[in-house]
Amino acid sequence: MQALQAAFAVLAAGCATAPVPAERAERDRVLMAALEPCKKQYSAIRDIEFDEQGRLWAEMRESVYFQDWDGFKRCAQEALKGVRGKVTRERR
C-alpha cells in the first residue's frame, strides 16, 4: 500500500505545472487587460493566452469565419502595440 501511495505522489508531482514567475504573471495580466476590448468585439475567439516568449495564442470556434479571426488579430496587434513597449521598458 505504501508503494502505491509513493507511486501516486511521484505521478502527481510529474503532472503538476511549474509556478508562473511573478514577472510573467504581471506581464500576462497587463497584456490580457489590453485585449479586453478585442475579446468583447470578437467573442467567438476563446482560450487566449501568452506563451513564455510573449507570443499570443488563441483558439476560435469552428463556426467562426476567417474574417473574424483576421479582425481579432488586427485588433490585438493594435491593442498590444503600445502596451508591449511599456511592459518591456518596465522590465529594464
Protein backbone atom coordinates (compact mmCIF):
# COMPACT_ATOMS: atom_id res chain seq x y z
CA MET A 1 0.00 0.00 0.00
CA GLN A 2 2.84 2.39 0.85
CA ALA A 3 4.44 1.71 -2.55
CA LEU A 4 1.16 2.61 -4.26
CA GLN A 5 0.93 5.89 -2.34
CA ALA A 6 4.55 6.72 -3.20
CA ALA A 7 3.94 5.97 -6.89
CA PHE A 8 0.85 8.18 -6.87
CA ALA A 9 2.81 11.02 -5.24
CA VAL A 10 5.51 10.78 -7.93
CA LEU A 11 2.90 10.77 -10.70
CA ALA A 12 1.07 13.73 -9.19
CA ALA A 13 4.31 15.70 -8.89
CA GLY A 14 5.13 14.96 -12.53
CA CYS A 15 1.75 16.26 -13.67
CA ALA A 16 1.90 19.48 -11.67
CA THR A 17 2.65 22.62 -13.63
CA ALA A 18 5.57 24.78 -12.63
CA PRO A 19 4.63 28.00 -10.86
CA VAL A 20 4.50 31.05 -13.09
CA PRO A 21 7.14 33.66 -12.19
CA ALA A 22 5.65 36.85 -10.75
CA GLU A 23 7.12 38.97 -13.55
CA ARG A 24 5.45 36.84 -16.23
CA ALA A 25 2.15 36.78 -14.36
CA GLU A 26 2.17 40.58 -14.20
CA ARG A 27 3.11 40.85 -17.89
CA ASP A 28 0.29 38.48 -18.86
CA ARG A 29 -2.19 40.39 -16.70
CA VAL A 30 -1.31 43.70 -18.39
CA LEU A 31 -1.46 42.19 -21.88
CA MET A 32 -4.78 40.44 -21.24
CA ALA A 33 -6.27 43.69 -19.92
CA ALA A 34 -5.23 45.40 -23.16
CA LEU A 35 -7.02 42.67 -25.15
CA GLU A 36 -10.32 43.07 -23.28
CA PRO A 37 -11.98 45.24 -25.99
CA CYS A 38 -10.94 42.74 -28.68
CA LYS A 39 -12.31 39.83 -26.67
CA LYS A 40 -15.66 41.63 -26.38
CA GLN A 41 -15.76 42.58 -30.05
CA TYR A 42 -14.79 39.07 -31.25
CA SER A 43 -16.49 36.84 -28.69
CA ALA A 44 -16.03 33.70 -30.80
CA ILE A 45 -12.28 33.85 -30.12
CA ARG A 46 -11.57 31.97 -26.90
CA ASP A 47 -8.79 30.47 -24.80
CA ILE A 48 -6.46 33.42 -25.26
CA GLU A 49 -3.05 33.09 -23.63
CA PHE A 50 0.57 34.12 -23.96
CA ASP A 51 3.48 31.68 -24.04
CA GLU A 52 6.86 32.10 -22.32
CA GLN A 53 8.17 34.25 -25.18
CA GLY A 54 5.13 36.53 -25.06
CA ARG A 55 3.51 35.20 -28.24
CA LEU A 56 -0.26 35.34 -28.37
CA TRP A 57 -2.16 32.06 -28.75
CA ALA A 58 -5.90 31.90 -29.25
CA GLU A 59 -8.50 29.36 -30.27
CA MET A 60 -11.64 30.06 -32.25
CA ARG A 61 -14.92 28.24 -32.54
CA GLU A 62 -15.33 26.13 -35.66
CA SER A 63 -18.21 28.29 -36.87
CA VAL A 64 -16.09 31.46 -36.94
CA TYR A 65 -15.32 32.96 -40.30
CA PHE A 66 -11.72 33.76 -41.07
CA GLN A 67 -12.68 37.44 -41.39
CA ASP A 68 -13.42 37.36 -37.65
CA TRP A 69 -10.03 35.78 -36.98
CA ASP A 70 -8.29 38.40 -39.12
CA GLY A 71 -10.26 41.14 -37.38
CA PHE A 72 -9.27 39.81 -33.98
CA LYS A 73 -5.60 39.66 -35.00
CA ARG A 74 -5.66 43.27 -36.23
CA CYS A 75 -7.44 44.41 -33.07
CA ALA A 76 -4.97 42.53 -30.86
CA GLN A 77 -1.95 43.91 -32.72
CA GLU A 78 -3.20 47.47 -32.29
CA ALA A 79 -4.10 46.93 -28.63
CA LEU A 80 -0.73 45.36 -27.81
CA LYS A 81 1.43 47.76 -29.83
CA GLY A 82 1.82 50.39 -27.11
CA VAL A 83 1.48 48.03 -24.17
CA ARG A 84 4.34 45.74 -25.21
CA GLY A 85 6.75 48.68 -25.29
CA LYS A 86 5.63 49.77 -21.84
CA VAL A 87 6.00 46.25 -20.40
CA THR A 88 9.48 45.93 -21.93
CA ARG A 89 10.59 49.31 -20.53
CA GLU A 90 9.30 48.44 -17.04
CA ARG A 91 11.33 45.22 -17.00
CA ARG A 92 14.62 47.07 -17.59
